[in-house]
Amino acid sequence: MPTPVPPMQHLRKWLALAVLYGLGIATGWLFSLLGAPLPWMIGPLLLSAGLYLGGVLTVQVPLRTRPFGQMVIAAQVGLAFTPAALAALLAYAPLLVGAAFLTAAVACGVAYLTSRMGGMPPAQAFLATFPTSPVEAAVIAGKFGWDPAPIVLTQTLRIAAVVILVPLFVYAVDGWPAPGDLVRGGTFDPVGNGFLALLAIAGALVFRRLGLSNPWFLGPLAFSATAAAAGLQPAPFPPEMLSAAQIVLGTWLGSCFRREILLGGRRLMLTLTASTLLLLLVISTLALGLAALTDLRWEVLVLGMAPGGVTEMALTAKFLGVDLAMVTALQLTRIFIFMPNIPWIIGMIDRHDKRPHGT
């Protein structure tokens, strides 16, 4: 039987989490006053990362808090898939698929460099580099018996870099908007908001029951988008709820930056950081090139092709006021094509790497 946790230890854990979230709210509020992009996510993310990297906090932020943020944002994002938006997306189907394969090709190239420069086995370098969820990457690593720490670190570092650097880049080019110019949520509507919440919960439970990947985002997104396309018009969540979702996601993401992981190897840490920035730079450059060849805004392609989590990129697109449906479609196309295939691709690479030389 597991050893029972003393009541005082439980109390200290929840007090530490309460203080962490309280400081996260204060930091998000400060960043919002400064007009920073995604203030309620980036503020808590930087705060949480600083506290965990400095060893000030060691308590684990519960993983079950992340689904709340994913469900809220996914349901809100789904409202952008109106009939007109869906029709427009169909016309760009070749571009969506081509961009997905282009991103995958760049990720494979960067994974190869990471393996050579960081002394990481090729299969593990691929899992660490290819854009996917840190949680799902950790689960796959566990199935192969690998240490998930450097893989989770790289995935988290990639998402954090995208969430912070991409909005700042867009702001630097397009101009720094006033806080009031940011796209926010709707108004408080018990019936409409309740309907959207039910869609989110039902979608998540159904997708989880079916064993589909990323059910807490893709399920609510699918149900919300279906309702929007059918003209049922669920009411968007109020801004306070969107801010709460950002705080939850940012705090959890920042808590993944553990001090013991960073102290594990300087060469590997430098390699992982460099590969993350290289991946973001190359893909962003390609996105700008595609924008010059198409009629899409460059912001849409940079966000849509960015190697970040779909949750974070959808939220970024919403708050930057660009074509949310197209950004989400670009991200989802890559996810649906490659995410189900990551385990067998990694297995193939691992088997090839372990073959005796000359066979």
Protein backbone atom coordinates (compact mmCIF):
# COMPACT_ATOMS: atom_id res chain seq x y z
CA MET A 1 0.00 0.00 0.00
CA PRO A 2 1.24 3.54 -0.73
CA THR A 3 2.46 5.54 2.24
CA PRO A 4 -0.18 8.09 3.29
CA VAL A 5 0.80 11.73 2.86
CA PRO A 6 0.82 13.68 6.16
CA PRO A 7 -1.96 16.31 6.39
CA MET A 8 0.55 19.12 6.93
CA GLN A 9 2.38 18.19 3.73
CA HIS A 10 -0.91 18.34 1.84
CA LEU A 11 -1.63 21.74 3.38
CA ARG A 12 1.81 23.11 2.46
CA LYS A 13 1.35 21.89 -1.11
CA TRP A 14 -1.99 23.63 -1.59
CA LEU A 15 -0.77 26.80 0.12
CA ALA A 16 2.23 26.89 -2.23
CA LEU A 17 -0.03 26.43 -5.25
CA ALA A 18 -2.39 29.14 -3.97
CA VAL A 19 0.54 31.56 -3.63
CA LEU A 20 1.81 30.58 -7.10
CA TYR A 21 -1.55 31.24 -8.75
CA GLY A 22 -1.98 34.45 -6.78
CA LEU A 23 1.38 35.72 -8.00
CA GLY A 24 0.49 34.55 -11.50
CA ILE A 25 -2.69 36.62 -11.46
CA ALA A 26 -0.75 39.67 -10.27
CA THR A 27 1.90 39.18 -12.96
CA GLY A 28 -0.73 38.73 -15.66
CA TRP A 29 -2.44 41.92 -14.52
CA LEU A 30 0.88 43.79 -14.65
CA PHE A 31 1.62 42.50 -18.14
CA SER A 32 -1.87 43.50 -19.27
CA LEU A 33 -1.24 47.05 -18.04
CA LEU A 34 1.93 47.09 -20.14
CA GLY A 35 -0.03 45.94 -23.19
CA ALA A 36 2.09 42.80 -23.57
CA PRO A 37 0.91 40.06 -25.95
CA LEU A 38 -0.95 37.22 -24.22
CA PRO A 39 -0.40 38.89 -20.84
CA TRP A 40 -2.37 36.37 -18.79
CA MET A 41 -0.33 33.49 -20.24
CA ILE A 42 3.15 34.92 -20.72
CA GLY A 43 3.19 36.67 -17.35
CA PRO A 44 2.41 33.54 -15.28
CA LEU A 45 4.67 31.47 -17.57
CA LEU A 46 7.73 33.65 -16.93
CA LEU A 47 6.95 33.91 -13.23
CA SER A 48 6.44 30.17 -12.80
CA ALA A 49 9.54 29.30 -14.83
CA GLY A 50 11.65 31.70 -12.76
CA LEU A 51 10.44 30.26 -9.45
CA TYR A 52 11.04 26.65 -10.50
CA LEU A 53 14.38 27.28 -12.19
CA GLY A 54 15.54 29.18 -9.11
CA GLY A 55 14.53 26.33 -6.83
CA VAL A 56 12.11 28.55 -4.93
CA LEU A 57 9.25 26.14 -5.67
CA THR A 58 9.37 22.38 -6.11
CA VAL A 59 5.70 21.46 -5.66
CA GLN A 60 4.23 19.86 -8.78
CA VAL A 61 1.47 21.79 -10.55
CA PRO A 62 -1.30 19.20 -11.08
CA LEU A 63 -1.46 18.04 -14.69
CA ARG A 64 -5.25 17.88 -14.46
CA THR A 65 -5.38 21.70 -14.36
CA ARG A 66 -4.22 21.93 -18.00
CA PRO A 67 -7.40 20.39 -19.51
CA PHE A 68 -9.46 23.29 -18.13
CA GLY A 69 -7.39 25.80 -20.08
CA GLN A 70 -7.41 23.65 -23.20
CA MET A 71 -11.19 23.09 -23.13
CA VAL A 72 -12.02 26.77 -22.63
CA ILE A 73 -9.77 27.95 -25.44
CA ALA A 74 -10.69 25.10 -27.82
CA ALA A 75 -14.42 25.76 -27.42
CA GLN A 76 -13.84 29.47 -28.03
CA VAL A 77 -11.69 28.77 -31.08
CA GLY A 78 -14.36 26.49 -32.54
CA LEU A 79 -16.74 29.43 -32.81
CA ALA A 80 -14.56 30.82 -35.62
CA PHE A 81 -15.50 27.91 -37.89
CA THR A 82 -18.55 29.52 -39.46
CA PRO A 83 -19.94 28.11 -42.74
CA ALA A 84 -18.18 30.87 -44.65
CA ALA A 85 -14.86 30.13 -42.91
CA LEU A 86 -15.13 26.41 -43.64
CA ALA A 87 -15.81 27.06 -47.31
CA ALA A 88 -12.75 29.30 -47.50
CA LEU A 89 -10.57 26.66 -45.84
CA LEU A 90 -11.49 24.04 -48.46
CA ALA A 91 -10.05 26.27 -51.16
CA TYR A 92 -6.70 26.26 -49.32
CA ALA A 93 -6.53 22.48 -48.76
CA PRO A 94 -3.36 21.97 -50.88
CA LEU A 95 -1.63 24.79 -48.99
CA LEU A 96 -2.64 23.32 -45.61
CA VAL A 97 -1.23 19.90 -46.48
CA GLY A 98 1.90 21.33 -48.10
CA ALA A 99 2.65 23.54 -45.11
CA ALA A 100 2.28 20.54 -42.79
CA PHE A 101 4.81 18.48 -44.74
CA LEU A 102 7.16 21.46 -45.00
CA THR A 103 7.10 21.90 -41.22
CA ALA A 104 7.68 18.18 -40.72
CA ALA A 105 10.66 18.20 -43.09
CA VAL A 106 12.29 21.09 -41.23
CA ALA A 107 11.68 19.37 -37.89
CA CYS A 108 13.35 16.18 -39.17
CA GLY A 109 16.38 18.16 -40.32
CA VAL A 110 16.71 19.94 -36.99
CA ALA A 111 16.27 16.63 -35.14
CA TYR A 112 19.19 15.19 -37.11
CA LEU A 113 21.39 18.15 -36.12
CA THR A 114 20.27 17.83 -32.51
CA SER A 115 21.25 14.17 -32.50
CA ARG A 116 24.69 14.85 -33.96
CA MET A 117 25.52 17.90 -31.84
CA GLY A 118 23.96 16.87 -28.54
CA GLY A 119 24.91 13.21 -28.52
CA MET A 120 21.24 12.24 -28.37
CA PRO A 121 20.00 9.02 -30.01
CA PRO A 122 18.22 9.85 -33.29
CA ALA A 123 14.81 8.51 -32.23
CA GLN A 124 14.88 10.52 -28.99
CA ALA A 125 16.05 13.63 -30.84
CA PHE A 126 13.11 13.27 -33.24
CA LEU A 127 10.64 12.92 -30.35
CA ALA A 128 12.15 15.94 -28.62
CA THR A 129 12.10 18.13 -31.74
CA PHE A 130 8.94 17.23 -33.66
CA PRO A 131 6.07 19.62 -32.74
CA THR A 132 3.74 17.76 -30.38
CA SER A 133 2.45 18.05 -26.82
CA PRO A 134 5.05 17.76 -24.00
CA VAL A 135 2.68 15.44 -22.16
CA GLU A 136 2.20 13.13 -25.14
CA ALA A 137 5.94 13.18 -25.84
CA ALA A 138 6.60 12.11 -22.24
CA VAL A 139 4.09 9.26 -22.57
CA ILE A 140 5.75 8.01 -25.78
CA ALA A 141 9.19 8.25 -24.15
CA GLY A 142 7.94 6.13 -21.26
CA LYS A 143 6.73 3.43 -23.65
CA PHE A 144 10.22 3.16 -25.11
CA GLY A 145 11.88 3.24 -21.69
CA TRP A 146 13.66 6.57 -22.24
CA ASP A 147 14.29 9.34 -19.74
CA PRO A 148 11.48 11.82 -20.50
CA ALA A 149 13.21 14.80 -18.82
CA PRO A 150 15.24 16.18 -21.78
CA ILE A 151 12.38 15.43 -24.18
CA VAL A 152 9.82 17.26 -22.04
CA LEU A 153 12.29 20.12 -21.57
CA THR A 154 12.78 20.54 -25.33
CA GLN A 155 9.07 20.35 -26.10
CA THR A 156 8.27 22.85 -23.33
CA LEU A 157 11.10 25.16 -24.37
CA ARG A 158 9.82 25.10 -27.96
CA ILE A 159 6.26 26.01 -26.99
CA ALA A 160 7.42 28.69 -24.56
CA ALA A 161 9.71 30.21 -27.20
CA VAL A 162 6.90 30.25 -29.77
CA VAL A 163 4.36 31.70 -27.32
CA ILE A 164 6.73 34.48 -26.29
CA LEU A 165 8.76 35.25 -29.43
CA VAL A 166 6.14 34.94 -32.20
CA PRO A 167 3.68 37.48 -30.71
CA LEU A 168 6.56 39.85 -29.95
CA PHE A 169 7.74 39.54 -33.55
CA VAL A 170 4.25 40.26 -34.90
CA TYR A 171 3.91 43.22 -32.55
CA ALA A 172 7.32 44.56 -33.56
CA VAL A 173 6.32 44.54 -37.24
CA ASP A 174 2.64 45.53 -37.04
CA GLY A 175 2.93 47.93 -34.10
CA TRP A 176 2.21 47.55 -30.41
CA PRO A 177 -1.56 47.83 -29.92
CA ALA A 178 -3.25 49.36 -26.92
CA PRO A 179 -4.61 46.79 -24.43
CA GLY A 180 -8.16 47.69 -25.37
CA ASP A 181 -7.49 46.80 -29.02
CA LEU A 182 -6.90 43.13 -28.23
CA VAL A 183 -9.61 40.68 -29.20
CA ARG A 184 -11.44 39.58 -26.07
CA GLY A 185 -14.26 37.23 -25.18
CA GLY A 186 -17.98 37.82 -25.15
CA THR A 187 -20.29 38.94 -22.37
CA PHE A 188 -21.64 36.88 -19.50
CA ASP A 189 -24.56 34.85 -20.81
CA PRO A 190 -25.59 31.95 -18.52
CA VAL A 191 -27.51 30.12 -21.24
CA GLY A 192 -25.13 30.70 -24.15
CA ASN A 193 -21.99 30.22 -22.06
CA GLY A 194 -23.51 27.14 -20.46
CA PHE A 195 -24.25 25.68 -23.88
CA LEU A 196 -20.66 26.26 -24.99
CA ALA A 197 -19.36 24.69 -21.75
CA LEU A 198 -21.54 21.61 -22.30
CA LEU A 199 -20.19 21.29 -25.83
CA ALA A 200 -16.63 21.49 -24.50
CA ILE A 201 -17.19 18.87 -21.79
CA ALA A 202 -19.09 16.52 -24.10
CA GLY A 203 -16.46 16.80 -26.84
CA ALA A 204 -13.60 16.12 -24.42
CA LEU A 205 -15.31 13.07 -22.90
CA VAL A 206 -16.26 11.60 -26.26
CA PHE A 207 -12.78 12.03 -27.75
CA ARG A 208 -11.20 10.63 -24.59
CA ARG A 209 -13.54 7.64 -24.68
CA LEU A 210 -12.57 7.01 -28.31
CA GLY A 211 -8.89 7.11 -27.35
CA LEU A 212 -8.12 10.00 -29.70
CA SER A 213 -5.02 12.12 -29.17
CA ASN A 214 -5.25 15.48 -27.40
CA PRO A 215 -8.94 14.95 -26.46
CA TRP A 216 -9.11 17.98 -24.15
CA PHE A 217 -8.51 20.31 -27.10
CA LEU A 218 -9.66 18.48 -30.21
CA GLY A 219 -12.93 17.25 -28.68
CA PRO A 220 -14.23 20.65 -27.55
CA LEU A 221 -12.96 22.19 -30.78
CA ALA A 222 -14.84 19.65 -32.93
CA PHE A 223 -18.11 19.99 -31.02
CA SER A 224 -17.94 23.79 -30.85
CA ALA A 225 -17.03 24.12 -34.53
CA THR A 226 -19.88 21.79 -35.51
CA ALA A 227 -22.37 23.86 -33.53
CA ALA A 228 -21.05 27.10 -35.03
CA ALA A 229 -21.17 25.70 -38.58
CA ALA A 230 -24.74 24.54 -37.97
CA GLY A 231 -25.76 28.06 -36.96
CA LEU A 232 -26.57 27.17 -33.32
CA GLN A 233 -24.54 30.19 -32.13
CA PRO A 234 -23.15 29.30 -28.69
CA ALA A 235 -22.14 32.42 -26.77
CA PRO A 236 -18.38 33.00 -26.40
CA PHE A 237 -16.95 32.90 -22.90
CA PRO A 238 -16.41 36.23 -21.09
CA PRO A 239 -12.86 37.66 -20.92
CA GLU A 240 -12.47 36.68 -17.26
CA MET A 241 -12.79 33.01 -18.16
CA LEU A 242 -10.31 33.32 -21.03
CA SER A 243 -7.86 35.02 -18.67
CA ALA A 244 -8.27 32.20 -16.14
CA ALA A 245 -7.55 29.65 -18.88
CA GLN A 246 -4.38 31.52 -19.83
CA ILE A 247 -3.21 31.66 -16.22
CA VAL A 248 -3.69 27.91 -15.83
CA LEU A 249 -1.82 27.10 -19.05
CA GLY A 250 1.01 29.55 -18.44
CA THR A 251 1.57 28.43 -14.84
CA TRP A 252 1.66 24.76 -15.78
CA LEU A 253 3.97 25.38 -18.73
CA GLY A 254 6.41 27.39 -16.63
CA SER A 255 6.47 24.74 -13.90
CA CYS A 256 7.91 22.23 -16.39
CA PHE A 257 11.24 24.09 -16.29
CA ARG A 258 12.84 22.18 -13.43
CA ARG A 259 16.26 23.10 -12.08
CA GLU A 260 17.47 19.50 -11.95
CA ILE A 261 16.80 19.08 -15.69
CA LEU A 262 18.87 22.12 -16.60
CA LEU A 263 21.79 20.96 -14.44
CA GLY A 264 21.85 17.54 -16.12
CA GLY A 265 24.21 18.48 -18.95
CA ARG A 266 25.42 21.85 -20.23
CA ARG A 267 26.22 20.63 -23.75
CA LEU A 268 22.81 19.02 -24.17
CA MET A 269 21.05 22.09 -22.77
CA LEU A 270 22.83 24.43 -25.18
CA THR A 271 22.09 22.08 -28.08
CA LEU A 272 18.39 21.83 -27.22
CA THR A 273 18.07 25.61 -26.90
CA ALA A 274 19.87 26.22 -30.19
CA SER A 275 17.78 23.60 -32.00
CA THR A 276 14.57 25.15 -30.67
CA LEU A 277 15.50 28.60 -31.93
CA LEU A 278 16.72 27.20 -35.27
CA LEU A 279 13.44 25.33 -35.79
CA LEU A 280 11.43 28.47 -35.09
CA LEU A 281 13.64 30.64 -37.32
CA VAL A 282 13.59 28.34 -40.34
CA ILE A 283 9.85 27.64 -40.21
CA SER A 284 9.04 31.35 -39.73
CA THR A 285 11.24 32.23 -42.72
CA LEU A 286 9.47 29.63 -44.86
CA ALA A 287 6.10 30.98 -43.71
CA LEU A 288 7.10 34.46 -44.83
CA GLY A 289 8.14 33.03 -48.18
CA LEU A 290 4.77 31.28 -48.61
CA ALA A 291 2.99 34.50 -47.70
CA ALA A 292 4.79 36.25 -50.57
CA LEU A 293 3.47 33.57 -52.95
CA THR A 294 -0.13 33.56 -51.74
CA ASP A 295 -2.85 36.03 -50.82
CA LEU A 296 -2.73 35.14 -47.12
CA ARG A 297 -1.41 37.55 -44.52
CA TRP A 298 2.06 36.70 -43.30
CA GLU A 299 0.84 36.72 -39.68
CA VAL A 300 -1.57 33.89 -40.48
CA LEU A 301 1.13 31.69 -42.00
CA VAL A 302 3.69 32.44 -39.30
CA LEU A 303 1.21 31.51 -36.57
CA GLY A 304 -0.28 28.60 -38.50
CA MET A 305 3.07 27.01 -39.30
CA ALA A 306 4.69 27.89 -35.96
CA PRO A 307 5.95 24.74 -34.19
CA GLY A 308 3.90 25.46 -31.10
CA GLY A 309 0.97 23.74 -29.48
CA VAL A 310 -2.34 24.30 -31.25
CA THR A 311 -3.85 25.58 -27.99
CA GLU A 312 -1.24 28.28 -27.59
CA MET A 313 -1.18 29.29 -31.26
CA ALA A 314 -4.97 29.48 -31.47
CA LEU A 315 -4.97 31.71 -28.41
CA THR A 316 -2.20 33.85 -29.90
CA ALA A 317 -4.15 34.25 -33.15
CA LYS A 318 -7.28 35.23 -31.25
CA PHE A 319 -5.56 37.91 -29.22
CA LEU A 320 -3.62 39.26 -32.18
CA GLY A 321 -6.83 39.53 -34.19
CA VAL A 322 -5.78 37.50 -37.26
CA ASP A 323 -7.70 34.81 -39.18
CA LEU A 324 -8.32 32.37 -36.32
CA ALA A 325 -9.92 29.67 -38.47
CA MET A 326 -7.02 29.54 -40.93
CA VAL A 327 -4.36 29.52 -38.19
CA THR A 328 -6.15 26.70 -36.40
CA ALA A 329 -6.68 24.77 -39.64
CA LEU A 330 -2.95 24.95 -40.45
CA GLN A 331 -2.07 23.65 -36.99
CA LEU A 332 -4.73 20.92 -37.02
CA THR A 333 -3.75 19.68 -40.48
CA ARG A 334 -0.22 18.99 -39.23
CA ILE A 335 -1.59 17.35 -36.08
CA PHE A 336 -4.02 15.03 -37.85
CA ILE A 337 -1.46 13.99 -40.46
CA PHE A 338 1.53 13.36 -38.22
CA MET A 339 0.51 12.94 -34.57
CA PRO A 340 -1.06 9.47 -35.01
CA ASN A 341 2.08 8.37 -36.86
CA ILE A 342 4.74 9.62 -34.43
CA PRO A 343 4.97 6.38 -32.37
CA TRP A 344 5.65 4.09 -35.34
CA ILE A 345 8.00 6.60 -36.96
CA ILE A 346 10.03 6.77 -33.74
CA GLY A 347 9.98 2.98 -33.47
CA MET A 348 11.28 2.67 -37.03
CA ILE A 349 14.10 5.16 -36.36
CA ASP A 350 14.99 3.41 -33.11
CA ARG A 351 15.14 -0.04 -34.75
CA HIS A 352 17.26 1.33 -37.59
CA ASP A 353 19.67 2.97 -35.15
CA LYS A 354 20.07 -0.26 -33.13
CA ARG A 355 20.83 -2.44 -36.15
CA PRO A 356 24.40 -3.78 -36.29
CA HIS A 357 26.56 -1.75 -38.65
CA GLY A 358 26.74 -3.21 -42.12
CA THR A 359 23.36 -4.94 -42.00
